[in-house]
Amino acid sequence: MKRKSKIVMIVALIGILLMIPVQTKAATQNSLRSKLEANTSETIRKFIYADMNDDGKKEAFAITSKYEEELGYLNAKIWYVTQSTCQEIVSCDGWYLYPDSVKIYKLKKTKMVTFNVGAGGSGELSYAYIFKENQAYTVDGIGDKITYLGKNQFEITDSQFDNFKDGSGHTWNKYYAKWDGTKLVEYGGLKISQTQLKKAKNGAKILRQIKKKSRIGSIYYRANGMVFINYTTEEANLNVALKLKNGILTYYYKDDAYGTTKLEKATNGGIIHKAITKCVKYPKKFPVE
């Protein structure tokens, strides 16, 4: 009986040991860099060594290219390197990757890397990725360009040719989205009437100012407090950006905005729509009654 009891105890001990997770040593920066060098002959332009997937260990996000020119890295390749994999995420063929545009953000439950590519003109395109275990994932719903505003909030840009009624004039209008921990969710626009807008302080005054030389079109309210008024002149499609806070409307623009009046500074070319992505959440109602 004693021998049988010992055997049972030994088997139980082995079972306990097998249940204890094996602690693998984290990959070093040099080991990950060596793994990347073994998978490409291109020059490593950027190598970010950080805990990309929030597993407590560090991985690497890297950029390689054969050519670096004045505008940036031509035909760059993007890599995600972990202890067990070396994944080429994307190849930016035909574009310059702008070095200063590479950003890494700590978001809810993940990190996000963004960067912009272009050909030297005013137009740029953004790429965005998040990381889970040994895999990099493309972030959907970033528009043509994405900018981080802080606290999981993003500005996304839509490229259109709608500044003028004849279909010409390149515009880059701004929309907004929030990272909810798993995906990017756009703040959809709830269409409201002029009567509803007048209920907010300064609403009637702003409408009068716009109506002096133009015709008002669709008005959209978003749950992040942004309000957009579309309006037209004889030749152009325009929109004005407003911010609603505590029932008060104010013109919304950056310090370097062009114009002499607040209306001019808050006005942008083109038509604002209720949404530009597929993952959208709309407000239930306009908060001022």
C-alpha atoms as a PDB file:
ATOM      1  CA  MET A   1       0.000   0.000   0.000  1.00  0.00           C
ATOM      2  CA  LYS A   2       2.845   2.396   0.856  1.00  0.00           C
ATOM      3  CA  ARG A   3       4.461   1.786  -2.546  1.00  0.00           C
ATOM      4  CA  LYS A   4       1.131   2.448  -4.286  1.00  0.00           C
ATOM      5  CA  SER A   5       0.693   5.688  -2.324  1.00  0.00           C
ATOM      6  CA  LYS A   6       4.165   6.863  -3.357  1.00  0.00           C
ATOM      7  CA  ILE A   7       3.406   6.166  -7.011  1.00  0.00           C
ATOM      8  CA  VAL A   8       0.177   8.153  -6.747  1.00  0.00           C
ATOM      9  CA  MET A   9       2.034  11.068  -5.137  1.00  0.00           C
ATOM     10  CA  ILE A  10       4.735  11.025  -7.829  1.00  0.00           C
ATOM     11  CA  VAL A  11       2.131  10.999 -10.615  1.00  0.00           C
ATOM     12  CA  ALA A  12       0.289  13.879  -8.964  1.00  0.00           C
ATOM     13  CA  LEU A  13       3.521  15.865  -8.604  1.00  0.00           C
ATOM     14  CA  ILE A  14       4.362  15.330 -12.280  1.00  0.00           C
ATOM     15  CA  GLY A  15       0.864  16.531 -13.196  1.00  0.00           C
ATOM     16  CA  ILE A  16       1.341  19.710 -11.171  1.00  0.00           C
ATOM     17  CA  LEU A  17       4.704  20.393 -12.795  1.00  0.00           C
ATOM     18  CA  LEU A  18       3.241  19.931 -16.258  1.00  0.00           C
ATOM     19  CA  MET A  19       0.529  22.485 -15.455  1.00  0.00           C
ATOM     20  CA  ILE A  20       3.068  25.175 -14.553  1.00  0.00           C
ATOM     21  CA  PRO A  21       3.585  27.388 -17.641  1.00  0.00           C
ATOM     22  CA  VAL A  22       7.073  27.388 -19.075  1.00  0.00           C
ATOM     23  CA  GLN A  23       8.618  30.832 -18.846  1.00  0.00           C
ATOM     24  CA  THR A  24      10.295  31.559 -22.183  1.00  0.00           C
ATOM     25  CA  LYS A  25      13.037  34.126 -22.229  1.00  0.00           C
ATOM     26  CA  ALA A  26      12.088  37.370 -23.971  1.00  0.00           C
ATOM     27  CA  ALA A  27      13.782  38.046 -27.289  1.00  0.00           C
ATOM     28  CA  THR A  28      16.535  40.640 -27.181  1.00  0.00           C
ATOM     29  CA  GLN A  29      16.744  43.589 -29.531  1.00  0.00           C
ATOM     30  CA  ASN A  30      19.835  42.096 -31.168  1.00  0.00           C
ATOM     31  CA  SER A  31      18.203  38.698 -31.703  1.00  0.00           C
ATOM     32  CA  LEU A  32      15.139  40.256 -33.366  1.00  0.00           C
ATOM     33  CA  ARG A  33      17.316  42.476 -35.519  1.00  0.00           C
ATOM     34  CA  SER A  34      19.353  39.456 -36.597  1.00  0.00           C
ATOM     35  CA  LYS A  35      16.150  37.619 -37.505  1.00  0.00           C
ATOM     36  CA  LEU A  36      15.067  40.544 -39.693  1.00  0.00           C
ATOM     37  CA  GLU A  37      18.497  40.723 -41.356  1.00  0.00           C
ATOM     38  CA  ALA A  38      18.178  37.031 -42.214  1.00  0.00           C
ATOM     39  CA  ASN A  39      14.896  37.719 -44.036  1.00  0.00           C
ATOM     40  CA  THR A  40      15.828  40.786 -46.081  1.00  0.00           C
ATOM     41  CA  SER A  41      18.820  42.262 -47.872  1.00  0.00           C
ATOM     42  CA  GLU A  42      17.411  45.795 -47.642  1.00  0.00           C
ATOM     43  CA  THR A  43      18.745  48.474 -45.318  1.00  0.00           C
ATOM     44  CA  ILE A  44      16.966  48.722 -41.965  1.00  0.00           C
ATOM     45  CA  ARG A  45      15.718  52.313 -41.773  1.00  0.00           C
ATOM     46  CA  LYS A  46      13.758  52.152 -38.514  1.00  0.00           C
ATOM     47  CA  PHE A  47      13.718  49.502 -35.796  1.00  0.00           C
ATOM     48  CA  ILE A  48      11.310  50.014 -32.897  1.00  0.00           C
ATOM     49  CA  TYR A  49      11.875  47.547 -30.020  1.00  0.00           C
ATOM     50  CA  ALA A  50       8.851  47.603 -27.711  1.00  0.00           C
ATOM     51  CA  ASP A  51       6.033  45.523 -26.252  1.00  0.00           C
ATOM     52  CA  MET A  52       3.760  45.878 -29.249  1.00  0.00           C
ATOM     53  CA  ASN A  53       1.117  43.304 -28.287  1.00  0.00           C
ATOM     54  CA  ASP A  54       0.968  43.943 -24.507  1.00  0.00           C
ATOM     55  CA  ASP A  55       2.110  40.432 -23.555  1.00  0.00           C
ATOM     56  CA  GLY A  56       4.838  41.694 -21.244  1.00  0.00           C
ATOM     57  CA  LYS A  57       7.630  40.951 -23.737  1.00  0.00           C
ATOM     58  CA  LYS A  58       9.187  43.098 -26.408  1.00  0.00           C
ATOM     59  CA  GLU A  59       8.776  42.661 -30.149  1.00  0.00           C
ATOM     60  CA  ALA A  60       9.954  44.796 -33.058  1.00  0.00           C
ATOM     61  CA  PHE A  61       8.315  46.984 -35.687  1.00  0.00           C
ATOM     62  CA  ALA A  62      10.713  47.735 -38.524  1.00  0.00           C
ATOM     63  CA  ILE A  63      10.983  49.562 -41.843  1.00  0.00           C
ATOM     64  CA  THR A  64      13.400  48.542 -44.611  1.00  0.00           C
ATOM     65  CA  SER A  65      14.113  49.922 -48.073  1.00  0.00           C
ATOM     66  CA  LYS A  66      16.808  49.821 -50.736  1.00  0.00           C
ATOM     67  CA  TYR A  67      16.627  53.538 -51.394  1.00  0.00           C
ATOM     68  CA  GLU A  68      16.425  56.605 -49.171  1.00  0.00           C
ATOM     69  CA  GLU A  69      15.865  59.870 -51.016  1.00  0.00           C
ATOM     70  CA  GLU A  70      15.118  63.442 -49.988  1.00  0.00           C
ATOM     71  CA  LEU A  71      11.391  62.739 -49.638  1.00  0.00           C
ATOM     72  CA  GLY A  72      11.800  59.546 -47.633  1.00  0.00           C
ATOM     73  CA  TYR A  73      12.110  55.779 -47.980  1.00  0.00           C
ATOM     74  CA  LEU A  74      11.194  54.679 -51.517  1.00  0.00           C
ATOM     75  CA  ASN A  75       9.318  51.350 -51.907  1.00  0.00           C
ATOM     76  CA  ALA A  76       9.614  50.668 -48.185  1.00  0.00           C
ATOM     77  CA  LYS A  77       8.673  47.343 -46.594  1.00  0.00           C
ATOM     78  CA  ILE A  78       7.095  47.103 -43.142  1.00  0.00           C
ATOM     79  CA  TRP A  79       7.912  44.242 -40.734  1.00  0.00           C
ATOM     80  CA  TYR A  80       6.681  42.789 -37.450  1.00  0.00           C
ATOM     81  CA  VAL A  81       9.281  40.614 -35.719  1.00  0.00           C
ATOM     82  CA  THR A  82       8.648  38.419 -32.679  1.00  0.00           C
ATOM     83  CA  GLN A  83      10.537  35.586 -31.036  1.00  0.00           C
ATOM     84  CA  SER A  84       8.803  33.065 -33.292  1.00  0.00           C
ATOM     85  CA  THR A  85       7.963  34.987 -36.495  1.00  0.00           C
ATOM     86  CA  CYS A  86       9.277  37.567 -38.947  1.00  0.00           C
ATOM     87  CA  GLN A  87       6.305  38.933 -40.883  1.00  0.00           C
ATOM     88  CA  GLU A  88       6.405  41.372 -43.795  1.00  0.00           C
ATOM     89  CA  ILE A  89       3.236  43.385 -43.179  1.00  0.00           C
ATOM     90  CA  VAL A  90       3.084  45.471 -46.332  1.00  0.00           C
ATOM     91  CA  SER A  91       5.195  46.778 -49.197  1.00  0.00           C
ATOM     92  CA  CYS A  92       4.675  50.464 -50.055  1.00  0.00           C
ATOM     93  CA  ASP A  93       5.601  50.118 -53.723  1.00  0.00           C
ATOM     94  CA  GLY A  94       5.603  53.323 -55.747  1.00  0.00           C
ATOM     95  CA  TRP A  95       5.467  55.592 -52.689  1.00  0.00           C
ATOM     96  CA  TYR A  96       7.791  57.450 -50.385  1.00  0.00           C
ATOM     97  CA  LEU A  97       7.344  56.626 -46.715  1.00  0.00           C
ATOM     98  CA  TYR A  98       7.821  59.847 -44.757  1.00  0.00           C
ATOM     99  CA  PRO A  99      10.190  59.070 -41.819  1.00  0.00           C
ATOM    100  CA  ASP A 100       8.811  61.747 -39.478  1.00  0.00           C
ATOM    101  CA  SER A 101       5.268  60.391 -39.888  1.00  0.00           C
ATOM    102  CA  VAL A 102       5.995  57.112 -38.078  1.00  0.00           C
ATOM    103  CA  LYS A 103       4.155  57.165 -34.737  1.00  0.00           C
ATOM    104  CA  ILE A 104       3.396  54.602 -32.043  1.00  0.00           C
ATOM    105  CA  TYR A 105       0.460  55.105 -29.666  1.00  0.00           C
ATOM    106  CA  LYS A 106      -0.551  53.370 -26.463  1.00  0.00           C
ATOM    107  CA  LEU A 107      -4.285  52.782 -26.762  1.00  0.00           C
ATOM    108  CA  LYS A 108      -6.923  50.865 -24.848  1.00  0.00           C
ATOM    109  CA  LYS A 109      -5.798  47.178 -24.800  1.00  0.00           C
ATOM    110  CA  THR A 110      -3.180  47.586 -27.547  1.00  0.00           C
ATOM    111  CA  LYS A 111      -0.590  49.722 -29.303  1.00  0.00           C
ATOM    112  CA  MET A 112      -1.097  51.255 -32.732  1.00  0.00           C
ATOM    113  CA  VAL A 113       1.541  52.210 -35.282  1.00  0.00           C
ATOM    114  CA  THR A 114       0.718  54.741 -38.005  1.00  0.00           C
ATOM    115  CA  PHE A 115       2.734  56.202 -40.854  1.00  0.00           C
ATOM    116  CA  ASN A 116       2.106  58.183 -44.032  1.00  0.00           C
ATOM    117  CA  VAL A 117       3.207  57.679 -47.625  1.00  0.00           C
ATOM    118  CA  GLY A 118       3.041  60.003 -50.600  1.00  0.00           C
ATOM    119  CA  ALA A 119       4.729  61.256 -53.738  1.00  0.00           C
ATOM    120  CA  GLY A 120       5.756  64.674 -52.509  1.00  0.00           C
ATOM    121  CA  GLY A 121       2.544  66.593 -53.193  1.00  0.00           C
ATOM    122  CA  SER A 122      -0.161  67.725 -50.785  1.00  0.00           C
ATOM    123  CA  GLY A 123      -1.844  64.332 -50.753  1.00  0.00           C
ATOM    124  CA  GLU A 124      -0.798  61.681 -48.257  1.00  0.00           C
ATOM    125  CA  LEU A 125      -2.148  58.242 -47.369  1.00  0.00           C
ATOM    126  CA  SER A 126      -2.011  56.712 -43.914  1.00  0.00           C
ATOM    127  CA  TYR A 127      -1.401  53.139 -42.829  1.00  0.00           C
ATOM    128  CA  ALA A 128      -2.313  51.889 -39.345  1.00  0.00           C
ATOM    129  CA  TYR A 129      -1.665  48.569 -37.568  1.00  0.00           C
ATOM    130  CA  ILE A 130      -2.312  46.933 -34.215  1.00  0.00           C
ATOM    131  CA  PHE A 131      -0.671  43.785 -32.842  1.00  0.00           C
ATOM    132  CA  LYS A 132      -1.972  40.601 -31.205  1.00  0.00           C
ATOM    133  CA  GLU A 133       0.443  37.838 -30.217  1.00  0.00           C
ATOM    134  CA  ASN A 134       2.514  37.050 -33.339  1.00  0.00           C
ATOM    135  CA  GLN A 135       0.269  38.799 -35.859  1.00  0.00           C
ATOM    136  CA  ALA A 136      -0.095  42.369 -37.134  1.00  0.00           C
ATOM    137  CA  TYR A 137      -3.572  43.539 -38.142  1.00  0.00           C
ATOM    138  CA  THR A 138      -4.632  46.374 -40.440  1.00  0.00           C
ATOM    139  CA  VAL A 139      -6.834  48.978 -38.745  1.00  0.00           C
ATOM    140  CA  ASP A 140      -9.990  49.585 -40.778  1.00  0.00           C
ATOM    141  CA  GLY A 141     -11.863  52.871 -41.034  1.00  0.00           C
ATOM    142  CA  ILE A 142      -8.913  55.294 -41.051  1.00  0.00           C
ATOM    143  CA  GLY A 143     -10.033  57.269 -44.106  1.00  0.00           C
ATOM    144  CA  ASP A 144      -7.241  58.551 -46.322  1.00  0.00           C
ATOM    145  CA  LYS A 145      -5.255  59.929 -43.405  1.00  0.00           C
ATOM    146  CA  ILE A 146      -5.422  59.406 -39.643  1.00  0.00           C
ATOM    147  CA  THR A 147      -4.198  61.676 -36.828  1.00  0.00           C
ATOM    148  CA  TYR A 148      -4.194  60.828 -33.115  1.00  0.00           C
ATOM    149  CA  LEU A 149      -5.825  63.414 -30.853  1.00  0.00           C
ATOM    150  CA  GLY A 150      -5.183  61.662 -27.527  1.00  0.00           C
ATOM    151  CA  LYS A 151      -7.359  59.622 -25.156  1.00  0.00           C
ATOM    152  CA  ASN A 152      -8.233  57.023 -27.851  1.00  0.00           C
ATOM    153  CA  GLN A 153      -9.644  59.780 -30.117  1.00  0.00           C
ATOM    154  CA  PHE A 154      -8.703  60.136 -33.797  1.00  0.00           C
ATOM    155  CA  GLU A 155      -9.219  62.530 -36.665  1.00  0.00           C
ATOM    156  CA  ILE A 156      -9.711  60.805 -40.032  1.00  0.00           C
ATOM    157  CA  THR A 157      -9.535  62.616 -43.360  1.00  0.00           C
ATOM    158  CA  ASP A 158     -11.595  62.085 -46.514  1.00  0.00           C
ATOM    159  CA  SER A 159     -10.164  62.979 -49.928  1.00  0.00           C
ATOM    160  CA  GLN A 160     -12.690  64.210 -52.493  1.00  0.00           C
ATOM    161  CA  PHE A 161     -12.994  66.502 -55.522  1.00  0.00           C
ATOM    162  CA  ASP A 162     -16.052  68.495 -54.518  1.00  0.00           C
ATOM    163  CA  ASN A 163     -14.923  72.017 -53.685  1.00  0.00           C
ATOM    164  CA  PHE A 164     -16.748  73.432 -56.700  1.00  0.00           C
ATOM    165  CA  LYS A 165     -20.110  72.568 -58.193  1.00  0.00           C
ATOM    166  CA  ASP A 166     -18.493  71.396 -61.436  1.00  0.00           C
ATOM    167  CA  GLY A 167     -16.801  68.539 -59.563  1.00  0.00           C
ATOM    168  CA  SER A 168     -13.359  70.103 -59.348  1.00  0.00           C
ATOM    169  CA  GLY A 169     -11.282  71.229 -56.397  1.00  0.00           C
ATOM    170  CA  HIS A 170      -9.475  68.763 -54.125  1.00  0.00           C
ATOM    171  CA  THR A 171     -10.736  68.753 -50.516  1.00  0.00           C
ATOM    172  CA  TRP A 172      -9.562  67.017 -47.341  1.00  0.00           C
ATOM    173  CA  ASN A 173     -12.436  67.124 -44.873  1.00  0.00           C
ATOM    174  CA  LYS A 174     -12.122  65.850 -41.331  1.00  0.00           C
ATOM    175  CA  TYR A 175     -14.205  63.237 -39.561  1.00  0.00           C
ATOM    176  CA  TYR A 176     -13.735  61.698 -36.143  1.00  0.00           C
ATOM    177  CA  ALA A 177     -13.454  58.239 -34.585  1.00  0.00           C
ATOM    178  CA  LYS A 178     -12.762  56.508 -31.272  1.00  0.00           C
ATOM    179  CA  TRP A 179     -10.771  53.358 -30.485  1.00  0.00           C
ATOM    180  CA  ASP A 180     -13.058  51.144 -28.362  1.00  0.00           C
ATOM    181  CA  GLY A 181     -10.451  48.540 -27.424  1.00  0.00           C
ATOM    182  CA  THR A 182     -10.909  46.295 -30.452  1.00  0.00           C
ATOM    183  CA  LYS A 183     -11.724  48.567 -33.407  1.00  0.00           C
ATOM    184  CA  LEU A 184     -12.043  52.113 -34.660  1.00  0.00           C
ATOM    185  CA  VAL A 185     -15.611  53.462 -34.471  1.00  0.00           C
ATOM    186  CA  GLU A 186     -16.537  56.595 -36.398  1.00  0.00           C
ATOM    187  CA  TYR A 187     -18.704  59.287 -34.834  1.00  0.00           C
ATOM    188  CA  GLY A 188     -21.615  59.283 -37.287  1.00  0.00           C
ATOM    189  CA  GLY A 189     -23.477  62.473 -38.115  1.00  0.00           C
ATOM    190  CA  LEU A 190     -27.085  62.860 -36.994  1.00  0.00           C
ATOM    191  CA  LYS A 191     -28.911  65.135 -39.415  1.00  0.00           C
ATOM    192  CA  ILE A 192     -30.590  68.008 -37.594  1.00  0.00           C
ATOM    193  CA  SER A 193     -32.703  70.994 -38.685  1.00  0.00           C
ATOM    194  CA  GLN A 194     -31.953  74.696 -38.483  1.00  0.00           C
ATOM    195  CA  THR A 195     -34.699  74.928 -35.868  1.00  0.00           C
ATOM    196  CA  GLN A 196     -32.887  72.409 -33.669  1.00  0.00           C
ATOM    197  CA  LEU A 197     -29.562  74.216 -34.115  1.00  0.00           C
ATOM    198  CA  LYS A 198     -31.134  77.513 -33.043  1.00  0.00           C
ATOM    199  CA  LYS A 199     -31.902  75.988 -29.638  1.00  0.00           C
ATOM    200  CA  ALA A 200     -28.186  75.994 -28.832  1.00  0.00           C
ATOM    201  CA  LYS A 201     -26.681  79.291 -27.717  1.00  0.00           C
ATOM    202  CA  ASN A 202     -25.168  81.171 -30.701  1.00  0.00           C
ATOM    203  CA  GLY A 203     -26.969  78.832 -33.130  1.00  0.00           C
ATOM    204  CA  ALA A 204     -29.291  81.474 -34.579  1.00  0.00           C
ATOM    205  CA  LYS A 205     -26.453  84.017 -34.798  1.00  0.00           C
ATOM    206  CA  ILE A 206     -24.193  81.606 -36.701  1.00  0.00           C
ATOM    207  CA  LEU A 207     -26.970  80.699 -39.138  1.00  0.00           C
ATOM    208  CA  ARG A 208     -27.597  84.400 -39.856  1.00  0.00           C
ATOM    209  CA  GLN A 209     -23.915  84.967 -40.584  1.00  0.00           C
ATOM    210  CA  ILE A 210     -23.776  82.044 -43.037  1.00  0.00           C
ATOM    211  CA  LYS A 211     -27.031  83.025 -44.782  1.00  0.00           C
ATOM    212  CA  LYS A 212     -25.762  86.499 -45.698  1.00  0.00           C
ATOM    213  CA  LYS A 213     -23.945  85.232 -48.795  1.00  0.00           C
ATOM    214  CA  SER A 214     -24.911  81.584 -49.129  1.00  0.00           C
ATOM    215  CA  ARG A 215     -27.547  78.864 -48.938  1.00  0.00           C
ATOM    216  CA  ILE A 216     -27.545  76.387 -46.075  1.00  0.00           C
ATOM    217  CA  GLY A 217     -27.696  72.646 -46.772  1.00  0.00           C
ATOM    218  CA  SER A 218     -27.450  69.597 -44.497  1.00  0.00           C
ATOM    219  CA  ILE A 219     -26.426  70.009 -40.848  1.00  0.00           C
ATOM    220  CA  TYR A 220     -24.842  67.119 -38.917  1.00  0.00           C
ATOM    221  CA  TYR A 221     -24.257  66.663 -35.187  1.00  0.00           C
ATOM    222  CA  ARG A 222     -21.736  64.098 -33.887  1.00  0.00           C
ATOM    223  CA  ALA A 223     -21.509  62.619 -30.394  1.00  0.00           C
ATOM    224  CA  ASN A 224     -18.035  64.084 -29.809  1.00  0.00           C
ATOM    225  CA  GLY A 225     -19.636  67.542 -29.887  1.00  0.00           C
ATOM    226  CA  MET A 226     -18.737  68.429 -33.470  1.00  0.00           C
ATOM    227  CA  VAL A 227     -21.378  70.107 -35.649  1.00  0.00           C
ATOM    228  CA  PHE A 228     -20.973  70.698 -39.400  1.00  0.00           C
ATOM    229  CA  ILE A 229     -23.098  72.979 -41.552  1.00  0.00           C
ATOM    230  CA  ASN A 230     -22.923  72.455 -45.302  1.00  0.00           C
ATOM    231  CA  TYR A 231     -23.598  75.546 -47.403  1.00  0.00           C
ATOM    232  CA  THR A 232     -23.189  76.685 -50.993  1.00  0.00           C
ATOM    233  CA  THR A 233     -22.297  79.881 -52.785  1.00  0.00           C
ATOM    234  CA  GLU A 234     -22.890  80.542 -56.462  1.00  0.00           C
ATOM    235  CA  GLU A 235     -19.942  78.330 -57.462  1.00  0.00           C
ATOM    236  CA  ALA A 236     -18.617  76.500 -54.408  1.00  0.00           C
ATOM    237  CA  ASN A 237     -19.524  73.777 -51.894  1.00  0.00           C
ATOM    238  CA  LEU A 238     -18.406  74.734 -48.402  1.00  0.00           C
ATOM    239  CA  ASN A 239     -18.860  73.648 -44.795  1.00  0.00           C
ATOM    240  CA  VAL A 240     -18.283  75.239 -41.435  1.00  0.00           C
ATOM    241  CA  ALA A 241     -17.069  73.360 -38.341  1.00  0.00           C
ATOM    242  CA  LEU A 242     -18.598  74.110 -34.931  1.00  0.00           C
ATOM    243  CA  LYS A 243     -18.071  72.759 -31.432  1.00  0.00           C
ATOM    244  CA  LEU A 244     -20.997  72.202 -29.064  1.00  0.00           C
ATOM    245  CA  LYS A 245     -20.171  72.233 -25.353  1.00  0.00           C
ATOM    246  CA  ASN A 246     -22.598  72.773 -22.477  1.00  0.00           C
ATOM    247  CA  GLY A 247     -25.265  73.886 -24.926  1.00  0.00           C
ATOM    248  CA  ILE A 248     -23.039  76.583 -26.477  1.00  0.00           C
ATOM    249  CA  LEU A 249     -21.910  76.598 -30.106  1.00  0.00           C
ATOM    250  CA  THR A 250     -18.552  78.092 -31.110  1.00  0.00           C
ATOM    251  CA  TYR A 251     -16.619  78.146 -34.357  1.00  0.00           C
ATOM    252  CA  TYR A 252     -14.026  75.358 -34.465  1.00  0.00           C
ATOM    253  CA  TYR A 253     -10.649  75.979 -36.138  1.00  0.00           C
ATOM    254  CA  LYS A 254      -6.928  75.685 -35.499  1.00  0.00           C
ATOM    255  CA  ASP A 255      -4.678  78.628 -34.666  1.00  0.00           C
ATOM    256  CA  ASP A 256      -3.119  78.696 -38.127  1.00  0.00           C
ATOM    257  CA  ALA A 257      -6.475  78.638 -39.972  1.00  0.00           C
ATOM    258  CA  TYR A 258      -6.806  80.983 -42.940  1.00  0.00           C
ATOM    259  CA  GLY A 259      -9.247  83.903 -42.766  1.00  0.00           C
ATOM    260  CA  THR A 260      -9.990  87.193 -41.050  1.00  0.00           C
ATOM    261  CA  THR A 261     -13.302  86.292 -39.362  1.00  0.00           C
ATOM    262  CA  LYS A 262     -14.201  83.294 -37.227  1.00  0.00           C
ATOM    263  CA  LEU A 263     -16.595  82.094 -39.912  1.00  0.00           C
ATOM    264  CA  GLU A 264     -13.869  82.217 -42.554  1.00  0.00           C
ATOM    265  CA  LYS A 265     -11.378  80.386 -40.305  1.00  0.00           C
ATOM    266  CA  ALA A 266     -13.875  77.619 -39.500  1.00  0.00           C
ATOM    267  CA  THR A 267     -14.933  77.159 -43.134  1.00  0.00           C
ATOM    268  CA  ASN A 268     -13.534  74.377 -45.328  1.00  0.00           C
ATOM    269  CA  GLY A 269     -14.100  73.470 -48.949  1.00  0.00           C
ATOM    270  CA  GLY A 270     -16.251  70.508 -49.932  1.00  0.00           C
ATOM    271  CA  ILE A 271     -19.283  68.614 -48.662  1.00  0.00           C
ATOM    272  CA  ILE A 272     -19.512  66.950 -45.251  1.00  0.00           C
ATOM    273  CA  HIS A 273     -21.379  63.620 -45.168  1.00  0.00           C
ATOM    274  CA  LYS A 274     -22.942  61.742 -42.265  1.00  0.00           C
ATOM    275  CA  ALA A 275     -20.146  59.135 -42.330  1.00  0.00           C
ATOM    276  CA  ILE A 276     -17.276  57.855 -44.490  1.00  0.00           C
ATOM    277  CA  THR A 277     -16.576  54.413 -42.951  1.00  0.00           C
ATOM    278  CA  LYS A 278     -18.541  51.207 -42.367  1.00  0.00           C
ATOM    279  CA  CYS A 279     -18.092  51.016 -38.589  1.00  0.00           C
ATOM    280  CA  VAL A 280     -20.199  53.938 -37.365  1.00  0.00           C
ATOM    281  CA  LYS A 281     -22.107  54.866 -34.217  1.00  0.00           C
ATOM    282  CA  TYR A 282     -24.736  57.611 -34.457  1.00  0.00           C
ATOM    283  CA  PRO A 283     -26.025  59.785 -31.622  1.00  0.00           C
ATOM    284  CA  LYS A 284     -29.609  59.130 -30.620  1.00  0.00           C
ATOM    285  CA  LYS A 285     -30.592  62.809 -30.477  1.00  0.00           C
ATOM    286  CA  PHE A 286     -29.368  66.382 -30.499  1.00  0.00           C
ATOM    287  CA  PRO A 287     -28.587  67.151 -26.827  1.00  0.00           C
ATOM    288  CA  VAL A 288     -30.080  70.675 -26.732  1.00  0.00           C
ATOM    289  CA  GLU A 289     -33.878  70.784 -26.506  1.00  0.00           C
END
